[in-house]
Amino acid sequence: FGKFNAFLASIPLPVMGGVMILLFGTIASLGLKTLIDAQVDLMR
């Protein structure tokens, strides 16, 4: 669907940036959650 791909390409950078700030932080938080859920002792 050509029109659809052109629509995606027209999304301005700041729109994607606003989502990315949350998204990339969420990914990092999931890594932290992995340590917490497994009760990893960082004093070791």
PDB file of all heavy atoms in Angstrom:
ATOM      1  N   PHE A   1       0.849  -1.188   0.000  1.00  0.00           N
ATOM      2  CA  PHE A   1       0.000   0.000   0.000  1.00  0.00           C
ATOM      3  C   PHE A   1       0.889   1.243   0.000  1.00  0.00           C
ATOM      4  O   PHE A   1       1.371   1.683   1.029  1.00  0.00           O
ATOM      5  CB  PHE A   1      -0.912  -0.044   1.229  1.00  0.00           C
ATOM      6  CG  PHE A   1      -1.967   1.010   1.270  1.00  0.00           C
ATOM      7  CD1 PHE A   1      -2.413   1.647   0.129  1.00  0.00           C
ATOM      8  CD2 PHE A   1      -2.541   1.373   2.482  1.00  0.00           C
ATOM      9  CE1 PHE A   1      -3.389   2.620   0.178  1.00  0.00           C
ATOM     10  CE2 PHE A   1      -3.524   2.340   2.541  1.00  0.00           C
ATOM     11  CZ  PHE A   1      -3.944   2.961   1.383  1.00  0.00           C
ATOM     12  N   GLY A   2       1.129   1.837  -1.181  1.00  0.00           N
ATOM     13  CA  GLY A   2       2.070   2.940  -1.340  1.00  0.00           C
ATOM     14  C   GLY A   2       1.723   4.179  -0.545  1.00  0.00           C
ATOM     15  O   GLY A   2       2.602   4.817   0.051  1.00  0.00           O
ATOM     16  N   LYS A   3       0.445   4.557  -0.525  1.00  0.00           N
ATOM     17  CA  LYS A   3       0.016   5.753   0.205  1.00  0.00           C
ATOM     18  C   LYS A   3       0.327   5.637   1.693  1.00  0.00           C
ATOM     19  O   LYS A   3       0.730   6.600   2.346  1.00  0.00           O
ATOM     20  CB  LYS A   3      -1.499   5.949   0.041  1.00  0.00           C
ATOM     21  CG  LYS A   3      -1.947   6.451  -1.322  1.00  0.00           C
ATOM     22  CD  LYS A   3      -1.690   7.935  -1.494  1.00  0.00           C
ATOM     23  CE  LYS A   3      -2.320   8.441  -2.798  1.00  0.00           C
ATOM     24  NZ  LYS A   3      -1.961   9.846  -3.062  1.00  0.00           N
ATOM     25  N   PHE A   4       0.153   4.427   2.195  1.00  0.00           N
ATOM     26  CA  PHE A   4       0.385   4.193   3.616  1.00  0.00           C
ATOM     27  C   PHE A   4       1.852   4.418   3.982  1.00  0.00           C
ATOM     28  O   PHE A   4       2.171   5.063   4.976  1.00  0.00           O
ATOM     29  CB  PHE A   4      -0.044   2.766   3.973  1.00  0.00           C
ATOM     30  CG  PHE A   4       0.353   2.336   5.340  1.00  0.00           C
ATOM     31  CD1 PHE A   4      -0.257   2.870   6.457  1.00  0.00           C
ATOM     32  CD2 PHE A   4       1.369   1.422   5.524  1.00  0.00           C
ATOM     33  CE1 PHE A   4       0.123   2.492   7.722  1.00  0.00           C
ATOM     34  CE2 PHE A   4       1.757   1.038   6.788  1.00  0.00           C
ATOM     35  CZ  PHE A   4       1.132   1.577   7.887  1.00  0.00           C
ATOM     36  N   ASN A   5       2.750   3.906   3.149  1.00  0.00           N
ATOM     37  CA  ASN A   5       4.178   4.071   3.421  1.00  0.00           C
ATOM     38  C   ASN A   5       4.604   5.528   3.288  1.00  0.00           C
ATOM     39  O   ASN A   5       5.474   6.003   4.022  1.00  0.00           O
ATOM     40  CB  ASN A   5       4.984   3.188   2.468  1.00  0.00           C
ATOM     41  CG  ASN A   5       4.831   1.717   2.788  1.00  0.00           C
ATOM     42  OD1 ASN A   5       5.158   1.273   3.866  1.00  0.00           O
ATOM     43  ND2 ASN A   5       4.298   0.942   1.851  1.00  0.00           N
ATOM     44  N   ALA A   6       3.986   6.245   2.352  1.00  0.00           N
ATOM     45  CA  ALA A   6       4.272   7.669   2.214  1.00  0.00           C
ATOM     46  C   ALA A   6       3.790   8.440   3.446  1.00  0.00           C
ATOM     47  O   ALA A   6       4.440   9.391   3.898  1.00  0.00           O
ATOM     48  CB  ALA A   6       3.598   8.216   0.958  1.00  0.00           C
ATOM     49  N   PHE A   7       2.664   7.999   3.987  1.00  0.00           N
ATOM     50  CA  PHE A   7       2.139   8.619   5.211  1.00  0.00           C
ATOM     51  C   PHE A   7       3.114   8.433   6.372  1.00  0.00           C
ATOM     52  O   PHE A   7       3.398   9.373   7.120  1.00  0.00           O
ATOM     53  CB  PHE A   7       0.782   8.006   5.554  1.00  0.00           C
ATOM     54  CG  PHE A   7       0.339   8.245   6.976  1.00  0.00           C
ATOM     55  CD1 PHE A   7      -0.070   9.505   7.382  1.00  0.00           C
ATOM     56  CD2 PHE A   7       0.362   7.215   7.904  1.00  0.00           C
ATOM     57  CE1 PHE A   7      -0.464   9.732   8.698  1.00  0.00           C
ATOM     58  CE2 PHE A   7      -0.027   7.429   9.211  1.00  0.00           C
ATOM     59  CZ  PHE A   7      -0.440   8.695   9.620  1.00  0.00           C
ATOM     60  N   LEU A   8       3.641   7.218   6.523  1.00  0.00           N
ATOM     61  CA  LEU A   8       4.602   6.952   7.598  1.00  0.00           C
ATOM     62  C   LEU A   8       5.856   7.808   7.442  1.00  0.00           C
ATOM     63  O   LEU A   8       6.408   8.317   8.414  1.00  0.00           O
ATOM     64  CB  LEU A   8       4.982   5.470   7.616  1.00  0.00           C
ATOM     65  CG  LEU A   8       3.896   4.479   8.046  1.00  0.00           C
ATOM     66  CD1 LEU A   8       4.411   3.060   7.938  1.00  0.00           C
ATOM     67  CD2 LEU A   8       3.431   4.767   9.465  1.00  0.00           C
ATOM     68  N   ALA A   9       6.302   7.962   6.193  1.00  0.00           N
ATOM     69  CA  ALA A   9       7.512   8.751   5.930  1.00  0.00           C
ATOM     70  C   ALA A   9       7.294  10.236   6.225  1.00  0.00           C
ATOM     71  O   ALA A   9       8.264  10.974   6.431  1.00  0.00           O
ATOM     72  CB  ALA A   9       7.942   8.562   4.477  1.00  0.00           C
ATOM     73  N   SER A  10       6.025  10.675   6.251  1.00  0.00           N
ATOM     74  CA  SER A  10       5.728  12.097   6.466  1.00  0.00           C
ATOM     75  C   SER A  10       5.642  12.473   7.943  1.00  0.00           C
ATOM     76  O   SER A  10       5.481  13.646   8.272  1.00  0.00           O
ATOM     77  CB  SER A  10       4.415  12.472   5.767  1.00  0.00           C
ATOM     78  OG  SER A  10       3.300  11.877   6.431  1.00  0.00           O
ATOM     79  N   ILE A  11       5.743  11.494   8.844  1.00  0.00           N
ATOM     80  CA  ILE A  11       5.679  11.784  10.282  1.00  0.00           C
ATOM     81  C   ILE A  11       6.918  12.575  10.698  1.00  0.00           C
ATOM     82  O   ILE A  11       8.045  12.109  10.525  1.00  0.00           O
ATOM     83  CB  ILE A  11       5.576  10.488  11.110  1.00  0.00           C
ATOM     84  CG1 ILE A  11       4.322   9.702  10.734  1.00  0.00           C
ATOM     85  CG2 ILE A  11       5.562  10.805  12.606  1.00  0.00           C
ATOM     86  CD1 ILE A  11       4.215   8.348  11.421  1.00  0.00           C
ATOM     87  N   PRO A  12       6.760  13.772  11.256  1.00  0.00           N
ATOM     88  CA  PRO A  12       7.916  14.610  11.626  1.00  0.00           C
ATOM     89  C   PRO A  12       8.776  13.966  12.723  1.00  0.00           C
ATOM     90  O   PRO A  12       8.271  13.228  13.572  1.00  0.00           O
ATOM     91  CB  PRO A  12       7.271  15.908  12.132  1.00  0.00           C
ATOM     92  CG  PRO A  12       5.899  15.920  11.544  1.00  0.00           C
ATOM     93  CD  PRO A  12       5.479  14.471  11.483  1.00  0.00           C
ATOM     94  N   LEU A  13      10.049  14.289  12.723  1.00  0.00           N
ATOM     95  CA  LEU A  13      11.003  13.763  13.709  1.00  0.00           C
ATOM     96  C   LEU A  13      10.572  13.985  15.163  1.00  0.00           C
ATOM     97  O   LEU A  13      10.662  13.073  15.983  1.00  0.00           O
ATOM     98  CB  LEU A  13      12.385  14.396  13.494  1.00  0.00           C
ATOM     99  CG  LEU A  13      13.287  13.831  12.397  1.00  0.00           C
ATOM    100  CD1 LEU A  13      14.566  14.662  12.317  1.00  0.00           C
ATOM    101  CD2 LEU A  13      13.636  12.384  12.685  1.00  0.00           C
ATOM    102  N   PRO A  14      10.122  15.206  15.530  1.00  0.00           N
ATOM    103  CA  PRO A  14       9.777  15.436  16.940  1.00  0.00           C
ATOM    104  C   PRO A  14       8.656  14.519  17.455  1.00  0.00           C
ATOM    105  O   PRO A  14       8.626  14.195  18.637  1.00  0.00           O
ATOM    106  CB  PRO A  14       9.327  16.906  16.954  1.00  0.00           C
ATOM    107  CG  PRO A  14      10.008  17.520  15.782  1.00  0.00           C
ATOM    108  CD  PRO A  14      10.035  16.447  14.741  1.00  0.00           C
ATOM    109  N   VAL A  15       7.737  14.123  16.572  1.00  0.00           N
ATOM    110  CA  VAL A  15       6.675  13.198  16.983  1.00  0.00           C
ATOM    111  C   VAL A  15       7.292  11.872  17.410  1.00  0.00           C
ATOM    112  O   VAL A  15       6.967  11.319  18.467  1.00  0.00           O
ATOM    113  CB  VAL A  15       5.661  12.969  15.835  1.00  0.00           C
ATOM    114  CG1 VAL A  15       4.658  11.882  16.224  1.00  0.00           C
ATOM    115  CG2 VAL A  15       4.931  14.257  15.501  1.00  0.00           C
ATOM    116  N   MET A  16       8.205  11.366  16.590  1.00  0.00           N
ATOM    117  CA  MET A  16       8.871  10.114  16.916  1.00  0.00           C
ATOM    118  C   MET A  16       9.759  10.272  18.151  1.00  0.00           C
ATOM    119  O   MET A  16       9.876   9.371  18.978  1.00  0.00           O
ATOM    120  CB  MET A  16       9.716   9.634  15.728  1.00  0.00           C
ATOM    121  CG  MET A  16       8.952   9.489  14.412  1.00  0.00           C
ATOM    122  SD  MET A  16       7.434   8.537  14.558  1.00  0.00           S
ATOM    123  CE  MET A  16       8.079   6.971  15.090  1.00  0.00           C
ATOM    124  N   GLY A  17      10.383  11.439  18.279  1.00  0.00           N
ATOM    125  CA  GLY A  17      11.240  11.694  19.436  1.00  0.00           C
ATOM    126  C   GLY A  17      10.473  11.663  20.740  1.00  0.00           C
ATOM    127  O   GLY A  17      10.953  11.130  21.750  1.00  0.00           O
ATOM    128  N   GLY A  18       9.254  12.221  20.737  1.00  0.00           N
ATOM    129  CA  GLY A  18       8.429  12.220  21.943  1.00  0.00           C
ATOM    130  C   GLY A  18       8.098  10.814  22.409  1.00  0.00           C
ATOM    131  O   GLY A  18       8.069  10.529  23.610  1.00  0.00           O
ATOM    132  N   VAL A  19       7.850   9.917  21.451  1.00  0.00           N
ATOM    133  CA  VAL A  19       7.553   8.521  21.782  1.00  0.00           C
ATOM    134  C   VAL A  19       8.814   7.791  22.219  1.00  0.00           C
ATOM    135  O   VAL A  19       8.803   6.985  23.158  1.00  0.00           O
ATOM    136  CB  VAL A  19       6.918   7.812  20.568  1.00  0.00           C
ATOM    137  CG1 VAL A  19       6.803   6.319  20.822  1.00  0.00           C
ATOM    138  CG2 VAL A  19       5.549   8.399  20.271  1.00  0.00           C
ATOM    139  N   MET A  20       9.936   8.075  21.541  1.00  0.00           N
ATOM    140  CA  MET A  20      11.189   7.381  21.825  1.00  0.00           C
ATOM    141  C   MET A  20      11.699   7.636  23.238  1.00  0.00           C
ATOM    142  O   MET A  20      12.284   6.749  23.867  1.00  0.00           O
ATOM    143  CB  MET A  20      12.255   7.801  20.812  1.00  0.00           C
ATOM    144  CG  MET A  20      12.074   7.194  19.431  1.00  0.00           C
ATOM    145  SD  MET A  20      13.152   7.987  18.210  1.00  0.00           S
ATOM    146  CE  MET A  20      14.765   7.571  18.834  1.00  0.00           C
ATOM    147  N   ILE A  21      11.504   8.856  23.737  1.00  0.00           N
ATOM    148  CA  ILE A  21      11.945   9.178  25.098  1.00  0.00           C
ATOM    149  C   ILE A  21      11.333   8.197  26.093  1.00  0.00           C
ATOM    150  O   ILE A  21      11.999   7.687  26.996  1.00  0.00           O
ATOM    151  CB  ILE A  21      11.568  10.636  25.461  1.00  0.00           C
ATOM    152  CG1 ILE A  21      12.447  11.617  24.684  1.00  0.00           C
ATOM    153  CG2 ILE A  21      11.721  10.880  26.970  1.00  0.00           C
ATOM    154  CD1 ILE A  21      12.065  13.066  24.870  1.00  0.00           C
ATOM    155  N   LEU A  22      10.051   7.934  25.912  1.00  0.00           N
ATOM    156  CA  LEU A  22       9.358   6.988  26.795  1.00  0.00           C
ATOM    157  C   LEU A  22       9.740   5.552  26.474  1.00  0.00           C
ATOM    158  O   LEU A  22       9.998   4.744  27.376  1.00  0.00           O
ATOM    159  CB  LEU A  22       7.846   7.175  26.652  1.00  0.00           C
ATOM    160  CG  LEU A  22       6.955   6.275  27.509  1.00  0.00           C
ATOM    161  CD1 LEU A  22       7.201   6.539  28.991  1.00  0.00           C
ATOM    162  CD2 LEU A  22       5.492   6.485  27.162  1.00  0.00           C
ATOM    163  N   LEU A  23       9.806   5.240  25.190  1.00  0.00           N
ATOM    164  CA  LEU A  23      10.043   3.864  24.759  1.00  0.00           C
ATOM    165  C   LEU A  23      11.408   3.350  25.189  1.00  0.00           C
ATOM    166  O   LEU A  23      11.524   2.269  25.776  1.00  0.00           O
ATOM    167  CB  LEU A  23       9.916   3.778  23.236  1.00  0.00           C
ATOM    168  CG  LEU A  23      10.177   2.411  22.612  1.00  0.00           C
ATOM    169  CD1 LEU A  23       9.125   1.413  23.042  1.00  0.00           C
ATOM    170  CD2 LEU A  23      10.210   2.525  21.093  1.00  0.00           C
ATOM    171  N   PHE A  24      12.462   4.120  24.925  1.00  0.00           N
ATOM    172  CA  PHE A  24      13.808   3.659  25.260  1.00  0.00           C
ATOM    173  C   PHE A  24      14.011   3.592  26.770  1.00  0.00           C
ATOM    174  O   PHE A  24      14.711   2.717  27.272  1.00  0.00           O
ATOM    175  CB  PHE A  24      14.859   4.566  24.621  1.00  0.00           C
ATOM    176  CG  PHE A  24      14.894   4.468  23.118  1.00  0.00           C
ATOM    177  CD1 PHE A  24      15.476   5.467  22.355  1.00  0.00           C
ATOM    178  CD2 PHE A  24      14.342   3.386  22.466  1.00  0.00           C
ATOM    179  CE1 PHE A  24      15.511   5.374  20.973  1.00  0.00           C
ATOM    180  CE2 PHE A  24      14.373   3.287  21.087  1.00  0.00           C
ATOM    181  CZ  PHE A  24      14.959   4.285  20.338  1.00  0.00           C
ATOM    182  N   GLY A  25      13.368   4.514  27.488  1.00  0.00           N
ATOM    183  CA  GLY A  25      13.426   4.448  28.950  1.00  0.00           C
ATOM    184  C   GLY A  25      12.706   3.222  29.471  1.00  0.00           C
ATOM    185  O   GLY A  25      13.137   2.599  30.445  1.00  0.00           O
ATOM    186  N   THR A  26      11.610   2.858  28.800  1.00  0.00           N
ATOM    187  CA  THR A  26      10.851   1.664  29.189  1.00  0.00           C
ATOM    188  C   THR A  26      11.686   0.406  29.005  1.00  0.00           C
ATOM    189  O   THR A  26      11.662  -0.503  29.848  1.00  0.00           O
ATOM    190  CB  THR A  26       9.558   1.559  28.356  1.00  0.00           C
ATOM    191  OG1 THR A  26       8.775   2.737  28.566  1.00  0.00           O
ATOM    192  CG2 THR A  26       8.746   0.337  28.768  1.00  0.00           C
ATOM    193  N   ILE A  27      12.425   0.338  27.897  1.00  0.00           N
ATOM    194  CA  ILE A  27      13.286  -0.824  27.642  1.00  0.00           C
ATOM    195  C   ILE A  27      14.331  -0.951  28.747  1.00  0.00           C
ATOM    196  O   ILE A  27      14.575  -2.040  29.282  1.00  0.00           O
ATOM    197  CB  ILE A  27      13.968  -0.704  26.261  1.00  0.00           C
ATOM    198  CG1 ILE A  27      12.922  -0.756  25.149  1.00  0.00           C
ATOM    199  CG2 ILE A  27      14.991  -1.830  26.070  1.00  0.00           C
ATOM    200  CD1 ILE A  27      13.479  -0.465  23.773  1.00  0.00           C
ATOM    201  N   ALA A  28      14.948   0.180  29.109  1.00  0.00           N
ATOM    202  CA  ALA A  28      15.945   0.170  30.182  1.00  0.00           C
ATOM    203  C   ALA A  28      15.310  -0.268  31.499  1.00  0.00           C
ATOM    204  O   ALA A  28      15.907  -1.023  32.279  1.00  0.00           O
ATOM    205  CB  ALA A  28      16.570   1.560  30.323  1.00  0.00           C
ATOM    206  N   SER A  29      14.085   0.191  31.748  1.00  0.00           N
ATOM    207  CA  SER A  29      13.374  -0.182  32.976  1.00  0.00           C
ATOM    208  C   SER A  29      13.063  -1.675  33.020  1.00  0.00           C
ATOM    209  O   SER A  29      13.071  -2.292  34.096  1.00  0.00           O
ATOM    210  CB  SER A  29      12.072   0.616  33.092  1.00  0.00           C
ATOM    211  OG  SER A  29      12.349   2.002  33.168  1.00  0.00           O
ATOM    212  N   LEU A  30      12.801  -2.266  31.859  1.00  0.00           N
ATOM    213  CA  LEU A  30      12.554  -3.706  31.802  1.00  0.00           C
ATOM    214  C   LEU A  30      13.803  -4.491  32.219  1.00  0.00           C
ATOM    215  O   LEU A  30      13.708  -5.543  32.843  1.00  0.00           O
ATOM    216  CB  LEU A  30      12.132  -4.114  30.386  1.00  0.00           C
ATOM    217  CG  LEU A  30      10.709  -3.731  29.972  1.00  0.00           C
ATOM    218  CD1 LEU A  30      10.473  -4.059  28.500  1.00  0.00           C
ATOM    219  CD2 LEU A  30       9.680  -4.444  30.842  1.00  0.00           C
ATOM    220  N   GLY A  31      14.966  -3.966  31.847  1.00  0.00           N
ATOM    221  CA  GLY A  31      16.217  -4.593  32.278  1.00  0.00           C
ATOM    222  C   GLY A  31      16.366  -4.528  33.786  1.00  0.00           C
ATOM    223  O   GLY A  31      16.775  -5.503  34.437  1.00  0.00           O
ATOM    224  N   LEU A  32      16.003  -3.374  34.349  1.00  0.00           N
ATOM    225  CA  LEU A  32      16.048  -3.205  35.808  1.00  0.00           C
ATOM    226  C   LEU A  32      15.050  -4.148  36.483  1.00  0.00           C
ATOM    227  O   LEU A  32      15.343  -4.753  37.519  1.00  0.00           O
ATOM    228  CB  LEU A  32      15.730  -1.753  36.154  1.00  0.00           C
ATOM    229  CG  LEU A  32      15.873  -1.334  37.618  1.00  0.00           C
ATOM    230  CD1 LEU A  32      17.308  -1.538  38.101  1.00  0.00           C
ATOM    231  CD2 LEU A  32      15.462   0.124  37.785  1.00  0.00           C
ATOM    232  N   LYS A  33      13.874  -4.288  35.869  1.00  0.00           N
ATOM    233  CA  LYS A  33      12.847  -5.185  36.401  1.00  0.00           C
ATOM    234  C   LYS A  33      13.330  -6.640  36.410  1.00  0.00           C
ATOM    235  O   LYS A  33      13.014  -7.405  37.322  1.00  0.00           O
ATOM    236  CB  LYS A  33      11.574  -5.072  35.567  1.00  0.00           C
ATOM    237  CG  LYS A  33      10.403  -5.922  36.061  1.00  0.00           C
ATOM    238  CD  LYS A  33       9.171  -5.693  35.210  1.00  0.00           C
ATOM    239  CE  LYS A  33       7.987  -6.519  35.717  1.00  0.00           C
ATOM    240  NZ  LYS A  33       8.204  -7.969  35.593  1.00  0.00           N
ATOM    241  N   THR A  34      14.120  -7.006  35.388  1.00  0.00           N
ATOM    242  CA  THR A  34      14.683  -8.360  35.331  1.00  0.00           C
ATOM    243  C   THR A  34      15.549  -8.640  36.549  1.00  0.00           C
ATOM    244  O   THR A  34      15.488  -9.725  37.143  1.00  0.00           O
ATOM    245  CB  THR A  34      15.523  -8.537  34.047  1.00  0.00           C
ATOM    246  OG1 THR A  34      14.693  -8.293  32.902  1.00  0.00           O
ATOM    247  CG2 THR A  34      16.110  -9.935  33.952  1.00  0.00           C
ATOM    248  N   LEU A  35      16.352  -7.660  36.956  1.00  0.00           N
ATOM    249  CA  LEU A  35      17.221  -7.808  38.133  1.00  0.00           C
ATOM    250  C   LEU A  35      16.396  -7.872  39.424  1.00  0.00           C
ATOM    251  O   LEU A  35      16.668  -8.681  40.317  1.00  0.00           O
ATOM    252  CB  LEU A  35      18.200  -6.637  38.210  1.00  0.00           C
ATOM    253  CG  LEU A  35      19.237  -6.524  37.087  1.00  0.00           C
ATOM    254  CD1 LEU A  35      20.045  -5.238  37.243  1.00  0.00           C
ATOM    255  CD2 LEU A  35      20.176  -7.724  37.101  1.00  0.00           C
ATOM    256  N   ILE A  36      15.361  -7.020  39.490  1.00  0.00           N
ATOM    257  CA  ILE A  36      14.537  -6.963  40.703  1.00  0.00           C
ATOM    258  C   ILE A  36      13.716  -8.244  40.877  1.00  0.00           C
ATOM    259  O   ILE A  36      13.658  -8.820  41.965  1.00  0.00           O
ATOM    260  CB  ILE A  36      13.602  -5.730  40.660  1.00  0.00           C
ATOM    261  CG1 ILE A  36      14.435  -4.443  40.716  1.00  0.00           C
ATOM    262  CG2 ILE A  36      12.595  -5.766  41.807  1.00  0.00           C
ATOM    263  CD1 ILE A  36      13.633  -3.186  40.464  1.00  0.00           C
ATOM    264  N   ASP A  37      13.088  -8.694  39.793  1.00  0.00           N
ATOM    265  CA  ASP A  37      12.249  -9.901  39.860  1.00  0.00           C
ATOM    266  C   ASP A  37      13.052 -11.129  40.286  1.00  0.00           C
ATOM    267  O   ASP A  37      12.539 -12.005  40.988  1.00  0.00           O
ATOM    268  CB  ASP A  37      11.592 -10.169  38.503  1.00  0.00           C
ATOM    269  CG  ASP A  37      10.479  -9.174  38.190  1.00  0.00           C
ATOM    270  OD1 ASP A  37      10.093  -8.425  39.104  1.00  0.00           O
ATOM    271  OD2 ASP A  37      10.011  -9.144  37.029  1.00  0.00           O
ATOM    272  N   ALA A  38      14.310 -11.192  39.820  1.00  0.00           N
ATOM    273  CA  ALA A  38      15.167 -12.331  40.165  1.00  0.00           C
ATOM    274  C   ALA A  38      15.880 -12.137  41.502  1.00  0.00           C
ATOM    275  O   ALA A  38      16.639 -13.009  41.930  1.00  0.00           O
ATOM    276  CB  ALA A  38      16.201 -12.559  39.064  1.00  0.00           C
ATOM    277  N   GLN A  39      15.633 -10.964  42.140  1.00  0.00           N
ATOM    278  CA  GLN A  39      16.257 -10.627  43.425  1.00  0.00           C
ATOM    279  C   GLN A  39      17.782 -10.768  43.353  1.00  0.00           C
ATOM    280  O   GLN A  39      18.414 -11.375  44.228  1.00  0.00           O
ATOM    281  CB  GLN A  39      15.681 -11.497  44.544  1.00  0.00           C
ATOM    282  CG  GLN A  39      14.190 -11.288  44.768  1.00  0.00           C
ATOM    283  CD  GLN A  39      13.637 -12.114  45.921  1.00  0.00           C
ATOM    284  OE1 GLN A  39      14.121 -13.200  46.204  1.00  0.00           O
ATOM    285  NE2 GLN A  39      12.621 -11.601  46.593  1.00  0.00           N
ATOM    286  N   VAL A  40      18.357 -10.197  42.298  1.00  0.00           N
ATOM    287  CA  VAL A  40      19.812 -10.225  42.131  1.00  0.00           C
ATOM    288  C   VAL A  40      20.462  -9.354  43.203  1.00  0.00           C
ATOM    289  O   VAL A  40      20.123  -8.178  43.348  1.00  0.00           O
ATOM    290  CB  VAL A  40      20.208  -9.725  40.720  1.00  0.00           C
ATOM    291  CG1 VAL A  40      21.737  -9.613  40.596  1.00  0.00           C
ATOM    292  CG2 VAL A  40      19.663 -10.654  39.652  1.00  0.00           C
ATOM    293  N   ASP A  41      21.376  -9.923  43.940  1.00  0.00           N
ATOM    294  CA  ASP A  41      22.065  -9.223  45.029  1.00  0.00           C
ATOM    295  C   ASP A  41      23.302  -8.513  44.465  1.00  0.00           C
ATOM    296  O   ASP A  41      24.319  -9.145  44.177  1.00  0.00           O
ATOM    297  CB  ASP A  41      22.467 -10.221  46.112  1.00  0.00           C
ATOM    298  CG  ASP A  41      23.114  -9.542  47.317  1.00  0.00           C
ATOM    299  OD1 ASP A  41      23.144  -8.288  47.345  1.00  0.00           O
ATOM    300  OD2 ASP A  41      23.596 -10.255  48.214  1.00  0.00           O
ATOM    301  N   LEU A  42      23.199  -7.188  44.327  1.00  0.00           N
ATOM    302  CA  LEU A  42      24.325  -6.424  43.773  1.00  0.00           C
ATOM    303  C   LEU A  42      25.420  -6.170  44.806  1.00  0.00           C
ATOM    304  O   LEU A  42      26.438  -5.552  44.491  1.00  0.00           O
ATOM    305  CB  LEU A  42      23.827  -5.096  43.199  1.00  0.00           C
ATOM    306  CG  LEU A  42      23.004  -5.200  41.908  1.00  0.00           C
ATOM    307  CD1 LEU A  42      22.534  -3.823  41.453  1.00  0.00           C
ATOM    308  CD2 LEU A  42      23.817  -5.863  40.793  1.00  0.00           C
ATOM    309  N   MET A  43      25.227  -6.635  46.043  1.00  0.00           N
ATOM    310  CA  MET A  43      26.304  -6.567  47.031  1.00  0.00           C
ATOM    311  C   MET A  43      27.297  -7.707  46.842  1.00  0.00           C
ATOM    312  O   MET A  43      28.391  -7.676  47.400  1.00  0.00           O
ATOM    313  CB  MET A  43      25.718  -6.615  48.451  1.00  0.00           C
ATOM    314  CG  MET A  43      24.899  -5.378  48.822  1.00  0.00           C
ATOM    315  SD  MET A  43      25.799  -3.827  48.566  1.00  0.00           S
ATOM    316  CE  MET A  43      27.093  -4.004  49.797  1.00  0.00           C
ATOM    317  N   ARG A  44      26.904  -8.704  46.069  1.00  0.00           N
ATOM    318  CA  ARG A  44      27.856  -9.768  45.725  1.00  0.00           C
ATOM    319  C   ARG A  44      28.833  -9.219  44.680  1.00  0.00           C
ATOM    320  O   ARG A  44      28.398  -8.688  43.649  1.00  0.00           O
ATOM    321  CB  ARG A  44      27.132 -10.990  45.179  1.00  0.00           C
ATOM    322  CG  ARG A  44      26.389 -11.794  46.233  1.00  0.00           C
ATOM    323  CD  ARG A  44      25.715 -13.012  45.645  1.00  0.00           C
ATOM    324  NE  ARG A  44      25.111 -13.852  46.674  1.00  0.00           N
ATOM    325  CZ  ARG A  44      25.733 -14.832  47.311  1.00  0.00           C
ATOM    326  NH1 ARG A  44      26.990 -15.117  47.015  1.00  0.00           N
ATOM    327  NH2 ARG A  44      25.118 -15.542  48.241  1.00  0.00           N
TER     328      ARG A  44
END
